Amino acid sequence: MRLILLLTALTFMAIDANAQADWVRQHYTKSEHMVPMRDGTQLFTSIYVPKDDSRTYPILFQRTPYGVGPYGEGVKPSLGP
């Protein structure tokens, strides 16, 4: 099991960042929204929805107090571990 995890991690590290961004662009639709909280604060949120709608997917939710750049609906960062 550890070997599989190591090989998976090495595979992700070996893939060029541009190739990862292209893969994300091909497989996900990105949208950006300001989500209102009950105290009136609005939180910037990037949403990635799989383009493949032939099955359901789990939700991955990640919050950070830091930036989530690159910004812009047409700009895709690499997703993954």
N, C-alpha and C. Protein backbone atom coordinates (compact mmCIF):
# COMPACT_ATOMS: atom_id res chain seq x y z
N MET A 1 0.83 -1.19 0.00
CA MET A 1 0.00 0.00 0.00
C MET A 1 0.87 1.26 0.00
N ARG A 2 1.93 1.25 0.80
CA ARG A 2 2.82 2.40 0.84
C ARG A 2 3.49 2.63 -0.51
N LEU A 3 3.84 1.54 -1.18
CA LEU A 3 4.46 1.67 -2.50
C LEU A 3 3.51 2.33 -3.49
N ILE A 4 2.24 1.96 -3.45
CA ILE A 4 1.25 2.55 -4.35
C ILE A 4 1.11 4.05 -4.07
N LEU A 5 1.06 4.41 -2.79
CA LEU A 5 0.95 5.82 -2.43
C LEU A 5 2.19 6.59 -2.88
N LEU A 6 3.36 6.00 -2.71
CA LEU A 6 4.59 6.65 -3.13
C LEU A 6 4.63 6.84 -4.64
N LEU A 7 4.24 5.80 -5.38
CA LEU A 7 4.23 5.91 -6.84
C LEU A 7 3.22 6.94 -7.31
N THR A 8 2.08 7.00 -6.65
CA THR A 8 1.07 8.00 -7.01
C THR A 8 1.61 9.41 -6.77
N ALA A 9 2.24 9.61 -5.61
CA ALA A 9 2.80 10.93 -5.30
C ALA A 9 3.89 11.31 -6.30
N LEU A 10 4.75 10.37 -6.64
CA LEU A 10 5.81 10.65 -7.61
C LEU A 10 5.24 10.96 -8.98
N THR A 11 4.17 10.30 -9.36
CA THR A 11 3.53 10.55 -10.64
C THR A 11 3.00 11.98 -10.70
N PHE A 12 2.32 12.42 -9.63
CA PHE A 12 1.80 13.78 -9.61
C PHE A 12 2.92 14.81 -9.63
N MET A 13 4.02 14.53 -8.95
CA MET A 13 5.13 15.48 -8.94
C MET A 13 5.82 15.53 -10.29
N ALA A 14 5.81 14.42 -11.03
CA ALA A 14 6.50 14.37 -12.31
C ALA A 14 5.76 15.08 -13.42
N ILE A 15 4.45 15.20 -13.28
CA ILE A 15 3.65 15.86 -14.32
C ILE A 15 3.91 17.36 -14.27
N ASP A 16 4.19 17.92 -15.39
CA ASP A 16 4.44 19.36 -15.49
C ASP A 16 3.22 20.16 -15.05
N ALA A 17 3.45 21.29 -14.39
CA ALA A 17 2.35 22.11 -13.90
C ALA A 17 1.43 22.57 -15.03
N ASN A 18 1.99 22.86 -16.19
CA ASN A 18 1.16 23.27 -17.33
C ASN A 18 0.28 22.13 -17.80
N ALA A 19 0.83 20.93 -17.80
CA ALA A 19 0.04 19.77 -18.20
C ALA A 19 -1.10 19.55 -17.22
N GLN A 20 -0.83 19.76 -15.92
CA GLN A 20 -1.89 19.61 -14.92
C GLN A 20 -2.98 20.66 -15.13
N ALA A 21 -2.57 21.89 -15.41
CA ALA A 21 -3.55 22.96 -15.64
C ALA A 21 -4.39 22.66 -16.88
N ASP A 22 -3.77 22.13 -17.92
CA ASP A 22 -4.52 21.75 -19.13
C ASP A 22 -5.51 20.64 -18.82
N TRP A 23 -5.09 19.67 -18.01
CA TRP A 23 -5.98 18.56 -17.64
C TRP A 23 -7.19 19.10 -16.87
N VAL A 24 -6.95 20.00 -15.93
CA VAL A 24 -8.05 20.60 -15.17
C VAL A 24 -8.98 21.36 -16.10
N ARG A 25 -8.43 22.12 -17.02
CA ARG A 25 -9.22 22.90 -17.97
C ARG A 25 -10.10 21.98 -18.82
N GLN A 26 -9.60 20.82 -19.19
CA GLN A 26 -10.35 19.88 -20.02
C GLN A 26 -11.46 19.16 -19.26
N HIS A 27 -11.27 18.95 -17.95
CA HIS A 27 -12.18 18.10 -17.19
C HIS A 27 -13.09 18.83 -16.20
N TYR A 28 -12.84 20.12 -15.96
CA TYR A 28 -13.63 20.86 -14.98
C TYR A 28 -14.07 22.21 -15.54
N THR A 29 -15.21 22.67 -15.03
CA THR A 29 -15.69 24.01 -15.30
C THR A 29 -15.50 24.82 -14.02
N LYS A 30 -14.82 25.96 -14.13
CA LYS A 30 -14.55 26.79 -12.96
C LYS A 30 -15.48 27.98 -12.94
N SER A 31 -15.99 28.30 -11.75
CA SER A 31 -16.75 29.53 -11.56
C SER A 31 -16.30 30.16 -10.24
N GLU A 32 -16.43 31.46 -10.15
CA GLU A 32 -16.05 32.19 -8.95
C GLU A 32 -17.25 32.96 -8.43
N HIS A 33 -17.42 32.93 -7.10
CA HIS A 33 -18.59 33.55 -6.48
C HIS A 33 -18.19 34.20 -5.17
N MET A 34 -18.95 35.21 -4.78
CA MET A 34 -18.84 35.79 -3.45
C MET A 34 -20.00 35.20 -2.65
N VAL A 35 -19.68 34.40 -1.64
CA VAL A 35 -20.71 33.72 -0.85
C VAL A 35 -20.96 34.51 0.43
N PRO A 36 -22.21 35.00 0.63
CA PRO A 36 -22.50 35.80 1.82
C PRO A 36 -22.60 34.93 3.08
N MET A 37 -21.99 35.40 4.15
CA MET A 37 -22.11 34.76 5.45
C MET A 37 -23.19 35.48 6.25
N ARG A 38 -23.64 34.90 7.34
CA ARG A 38 -24.75 35.51 8.08
C ARG A 38 -24.36 36.82 8.77
N ASP A 39 -23.04 37.08 8.94
CA ASP A 39 -22.63 38.36 9.52
C ASP A 39 -22.47 39.45 8.46
N GLY A 40 -22.76 39.12 7.21
CA GLY A 40 -22.69 40.09 6.13
C GLY A 40 -21.38 40.03 5.34
N THR A 41 -20.39 39.35 5.90
CA THR A 41 -19.11 39.19 5.19
C THR A 41 -19.32 38.32 3.96
N GLN A 42 -18.62 38.63 2.89
CA GLN A 42 -18.70 37.81 1.68
C GLN A 42 -17.35 37.14 1.47
N LEU A 43 -17.38 35.83 1.29
CA LEU A 43 -16.16 35.06 1.09
C LEU A 43 -16.00 34.70 -0.37
N PHE A 44 -14.82 34.96 -0.91
CA PHE A 44 -14.51 34.60 -2.28
C PHE A 44 -14.40 33.09 -2.37
N THR A 45 -15.05 32.49 -3.37
CA THR A 45 -15.08 31.04 -3.51
C THR A 45 -14.88 30.64 -4.96
N SER A 46 -13.96 29.70 -5.19
CA SER A 46 -13.76 29.10 -6.51
C SER A 46 -14.43 27.74 -6.50
N ILE A 47 -15.24 27.47 -7.51
CA ILE A 47 -15.97 26.21 -7.60
C ILE A 47 -15.55 25.50 -8.87
N TYR A 48 -15.15 24.25 -8.73
CA TYR A 48 -14.78 23.41 -9.87
C TYR A 48 -15.80 22.29 -9.98
N VAL A 49 -16.49 22.21 -11.11
CA VAL A 49 -17.51 21.19 -11.34
C VAL A 49 -17.03 20.28 -12.47
N PRO A 50 -17.04 18.95 -12.23
CA PRO A 50 -16.61 18.04 -13.30
C PRO A 50 -17.50 18.17 -14.53
N LYS A 51 -16.88 18.17 -15.70
CA LYS A 51 -17.65 18.23 -16.95
C LYS A 51 -18.35 16.91 -17.24
N ASP A 52 -17.83 15.82 -16.71
CA ASP A 52 -18.43 14.49 -16.89
C ASP A 52 -19.63 14.37 -15.96
N ASP A 53 -20.85 14.42 -16.52
CA ASP A 53 -22.04 14.31 -15.69
C ASP A 53 -22.70 12.94 -15.81
N SER A 54 -21.92 11.93 -16.23
CA SER A 54 -22.47 10.58 -16.38
C SER A 54 -22.61 9.86 -15.03
N ARG A 55 -21.99 10.42 -13.98
CA ARG A 55 -22.11 9.83 -12.65
C ARG A 55 -21.97 10.94 -11.62
N THR A 56 -22.23 10.59 -10.36
CA THR A 56 -22.08 11.57 -9.28
C THR A 56 -20.66 11.51 -8.73
N TYR A 57 -20.22 12.63 -8.18
CA TYR A 57 -18.88 12.73 -7.61
C TYR A 57 -18.99 13.24 -6.18
N PRO A 58 -18.04 12.88 -5.32
CA PRO A 58 -18.05 13.43 -3.96
C PRO A 58 -17.65 14.90 -3.98
N ILE A 59 -17.93 15.59 -2.91
CA ILE A 59 -17.59 17.00 -2.78
C ILE A 59 -16.30 17.12 -2.00
N LEU A 60 -15.40 17.94 -2.48
CA LEU A 60 -14.17 18.28 -1.76
C LEU A 60 -14.27 19.74 -1.38
N PHE A 61 -14.26 20.02 -0.10
CA PHE A 61 -14.41 21.38 0.39
C PHE A 61 -13.13 21.77 1.11
N GLN A 62 -12.53 22.88 0.70
CA GLN A 62 -11.29 23.32 1.32
C GLN A 62 -11.37 24.81 1.58
N ARG A 63 -11.17 25.23 2.82
CA ARG A 63 -11.17 26.65 3.18
C ARG A 63 -9.77 27.02 3.62
N THR A 64 -9.36 28.22 3.30
CA THR A 64 -8.05 28.71 3.71
C THR A 64 -8.13 30.20 4.00
N PRO A 65 -7.38 30.67 4.98
CA PRO A 65 -7.35 32.11 5.22
C PRO A 65 -6.43 32.84 4.24
N TYR A 66 -5.79 32.08 3.38
CA TYR A 66 -4.84 32.64 2.42
C TYR A 66 -5.48 32.78 1.05
N GLY A 67 -4.79 33.32 0.09
CA GLY A 67 -5.30 33.50 -1.26
C GLY A 67 -5.52 32.16 -1.95
N VAL A 68 -6.38 32.20 -2.96
CA VAL A 68 -6.67 30.99 -3.73
C VAL A 68 -6.35 31.21 -5.20
N GLY A 69 -5.32 32.04 -5.45
CA GLY A 69 -4.94 32.32 -6.83
C GLY A 69 -4.46 31.07 -7.52
N PRO A 70 -4.43 31.05 -8.80
CA PRO A 70 -4.65 32.16 -9.71
C PRO A 70 -6.14 32.48 -9.84
N TYR A 71 -6.44 33.76 -9.93
CA TYR A 71 -7.81 34.22 -9.99
C TYR A 71 -8.28 34.35 -11.44
N GLY A 72 -9.58 34.27 -11.62
CA GLY A 72 -10.18 34.39 -12.93
C GLY A 72 -10.82 33.08 -13.34
N GLU A 73 -12.02 33.16 -13.91
CA GLU A 73 -12.75 31.95 -14.25
C GLU A 73 -12.07 31.14 -15.33
N GLY A 74 -11.27 31.78 -16.20
CA GLY A 74 -10.59 31.06 -17.25
C GLY A 74 -9.25 30.50 -16.82
N VAL A 75 -8.81 30.83 -15.60
CA VAL A 75 -7.51 30.40 -15.11
C VAL A 75 -7.69 29.20 -14.21
N LYS A 76 -6.94 28.13 -14.49
CA LYS A 76 -7.08 26.90 -13.72
C LYS A 76 -5.75 26.51 -13.07
N PRO A 77 -5.74 26.36 -11.75
CA PRO A 77 -4.54 25.84 -11.12
C PRO A 77 -4.53 24.32 -11.22
N SER A 78 -3.47 23.69 -10.78
CA SER A 78 -3.46 22.23 -10.74
C SER A 78 -4.27 21.79 -9.51
N LEU A 79 -5.10 20.79 -9.67
CA LEU A 79 -5.86 20.23 -8.56
C LEU A 79 -5.22 18.92 -8.15
N GLY A 80 -5.29 18.58 -6.92
CA GLY A 80 -4.75 17.31 -6.48
C GLY A 80 -4.05 17.42 -5.15
N PRO A 81 -3.32 16.39 -4.78
CA PRO A 81 -2.67 16.36 -3.47
C PRO A 81 -1.65 17.46 -3.32
